[in-house]
Amino acid sequence: MLNSYSLSDNLRYRPKCAIGIVNPANLEVTLNRLFVGNIPFTKTENALADWFGTQGYRTRVVEFVQDRATSRPRGFGFVELEDEKLAEAAVRSLNGKLFAGRALTVGWATPVRESA
């Protein structure tokens, strides 16, 4: 199975690559990939990327997770920063900061543990 990130018991996130083809040999957890929770449902990926930019962090990829049944956002997603060296500073400084009136949860993205 491809490396994936834990989202819930019945949902897995598989990272996309730039050209849309995922090569399992190239998948790994990078130090610049962050989990972002408590995202307002009315905001877009571009709005979150712009907000990260205003805080001094350039993003490479911003992806919101959507519910499979309704295709609505689930209120969390993943942000990949361009600079791995700033990821730790981003976790420390952005966790709990307000984005559109909601305190974001910012932490490290972790790989899914395979179940038996």
Foldseek 3Di string as FASTA:
>chain_A
DAWWFDDDPPDTHDDADPVRDDDSVPDDFALQKKKKFQADQPDDQVLVQVVCVVVPWHWDDWDFDADPVPRGGPGITMTGTPDSVCRVVCQVPQQQDDDPRTGMHMDGTDIDDDDD
